Amino acid sequence: MPVSAAKKAANLRWDKKNMSTVACKLKKEQADAFKEYAFIQGKTVNTLLREYVFKCIGYEEE
């Protein structure tokens, strides 16, 4: 079922208020190698990075 324009707008407002992006720059070959590593692990790059951040800050995701 497609998401309505109103729901998309509400999601964007919520994200702007409650979420933040953490990023780093890597050489293309390093980024590609990490993407391949994530694929081999059966996870997304985002998932791996979130897991690492949570481990560093002692946060356990429910």
C-alpha atoms as a PDB file:
ATOM      1  CA  MET A   1       0.000   0.000   0.000  1.00  0.00           C
ATOM      2  CA  PRO A   2       1.520   3.346  -1.030  1.00  0.00           C
ATOM      3  CA  VAL A   3       2.281   5.919   1.636  1.00  0.00           C
ATOM      4  CA  SER A   4       0.203   9.086   1.367  1.00  0.00           C
ATOM      5  CA  ALA A   5       1.808  12.483   0.866  1.00  0.00           C
ATOM      6  CA  ALA A   6       0.514  13.551   4.286  1.00  0.00           C
ATOM      7  CA  LYS A   7       2.145  10.555   5.974  1.00  0.00           C
ATOM      8  CA  LYS A   8       5.444  11.216   4.166  1.00  0.00           C
ATOM      9  CA  ALA A   9       5.345  14.842   5.339  1.00  0.00           C
ATOM     10  CA  ALA A  10       4.592  13.765   8.913  1.00  0.00           C
ATOM     11  CA  ASN A  11       7.477  11.271   8.812  1.00  0.00           C
ATOM     12  CA  LEU A  12       9.853  13.962   7.545  1.00  0.00           C
ATOM     13  CA  ARG A  13       8.785  16.350  10.332  1.00  0.00           C
ATOM     14  CA  TRP A  14       9.276  13.631  12.959  1.00  0.00           C
ATOM     15  CA  ASP A  15      12.701  12.694  11.548  1.00  0.00           C
ATOM     16  CA  LYS A  16      13.818  16.341  11.470  1.00  0.00           C
ATOM     17  CA  LYS A  17      12.857  16.758  15.130  1.00  0.00           C
ATOM     18  CA  ASN A  18      14.071  13.394  16.477  1.00  0.00           C
ATOM     19  CA  MET A  19      16.804  11.969  14.253  1.00  0.00           C
ATOM     20  CA  SER A  20      20.381  12.905  13.362  1.00  0.00           C
ATOM     21  CA  THR A  21      22.793  11.592  10.762  1.00  0.00           C
ATOM     22  CA  VAL A  22      26.339  10.587  11.698  1.00  0.00           C
ATOM     23  CA  ALA A  23      28.675  10.276   8.730  1.00  0.00           C
ATOM     24  CA  CYS A  24      32.307   9.918   7.738  1.00  0.00           C
ATOM     25  CA  LYS A  25      34.214  10.222   4.492  1.00  0.00           C
ATOM     26  CA  LEU A  26      36.105   7.260   3.086  1.00  0.00           C
ATOM     27  CA  LYS A  27      38.000   6.660  -0.092  1.00  0.00           C
ATOM     28  CA  LYS A  28      35.729   5.021  -2.647  1.00  0.00           C
ATOM     29  CA  GLU A  29      37.610   1.726  -2.517  1.00  0.00           C
ATOM     30  CA  GLN A  30      37.317   1.642   1.287  1.00  0.00           C
ATOM     31  CA  ALA A  31      33.591   2.361   1.138  1.00  0.00           C
ATOM     32  CA  ASP A  32      33.119  -0.313  -1.516  1.00  0.00           C
ATOM     33  CA  ALA A  33      35.038  -2.821   0.605  1.00  0.00           C
ATOM     34  CA  PHE A  34      32.837  -2.031   3.608  1.00  0.00           C
ATOM     35  CA  LYS A  35      29.677  -2.403   1.511  1.00  0.00           C
ATOM     36  CA  GLU A  36      30.936  -5.813   0.374  1.00  0.00           C
ATOM     37  CA  TYR A  37      31.706  -6.757   3.983  1.00  0.00           C
ATOM     38  CA  ALA A  38      28.166  -5.765   4.998  1.00  0.00           C
ATOM     39  CA  PHE A  39      26.715  -7.823   2.156  1.00  0.00           C
ATOM     40  CA  ILE A  40      28.746 -10.880   3.191  1.00  0.00           C
ATOM     41  CA  GLN A  41      27.469 -10.432   6.766  1.00  0.00           C
ATOM     42  CA  GLY A  42      23.901 -10.330   5.434  1.00  0.00           C
ATOM     43  CA  LYS A  43      23.404  -6.815   6.804  1.00  0.00           C
ATOM     44  CA  THR A  44      23.142  -3.306   5.460  1.00  0.00           C
ATOM     45  CA  VAL A  45      25.868  -0.717   5.963  1.00  0.00           C
ATOM     46  CA  ASN A  46      23.418   1.250   8.101  1.00  0.00           C
ATOM     47  CA  THR A  47      22.727  -1.755  10.340  1.00  0.00           C
ATOM     48  CA  LEU A  48      26.418  -2.452  10.910  1.00  0.00           C
ATOM     49  CA  LEU A  49      27.177   1.161  11.717  1.00  0.00           C
ATOM     50  CA  ARG A  50      24.197   1.435  14.105  1.00  0.00           C
ATOM     51  CA  GLU A  51      25.278  -1.749  15.887  1.00  0.00           C
ATOM     52  CA  TYR A  52      28.793  -0.353  16.320  1.00  0.00           C
ATOM     53  CA  VAL A  53      27.571   3.011  17.616  1.00  0.00           C
ATOM     54  CA  PHE A  54      25.210   1.298  20.058  1.00  0.00           C
ATOM     55  CA  LYS A  55      28.048  -0.927  21.284  1.00  0.00           C
ATOM     56  CA  CYS A  56      30.296   2.105  21.819  1.00  0.00           C
ATOM     57  CA  ILE A  57      27.709   4.014  23.841  1.00  0.00           C
ATOM     58  CA  GLY A  58      26.402   1.015  25.769  1.00  0.00           C
ATOM     59  CA  TYR A  59      22.929   1.160  24.237  1.00  0.00           C
ATOM     60  CA  GLU A  60      20.922  -2.014  23.788  1.00  0.00           C
ATOM     61  CA  GLU A  61      18.251  -1.797  21.102  1.00  0.00           C
ATOM     62  CA  GLU A  62      14.931  -3.359  22.049  1.00  0.00           C
END
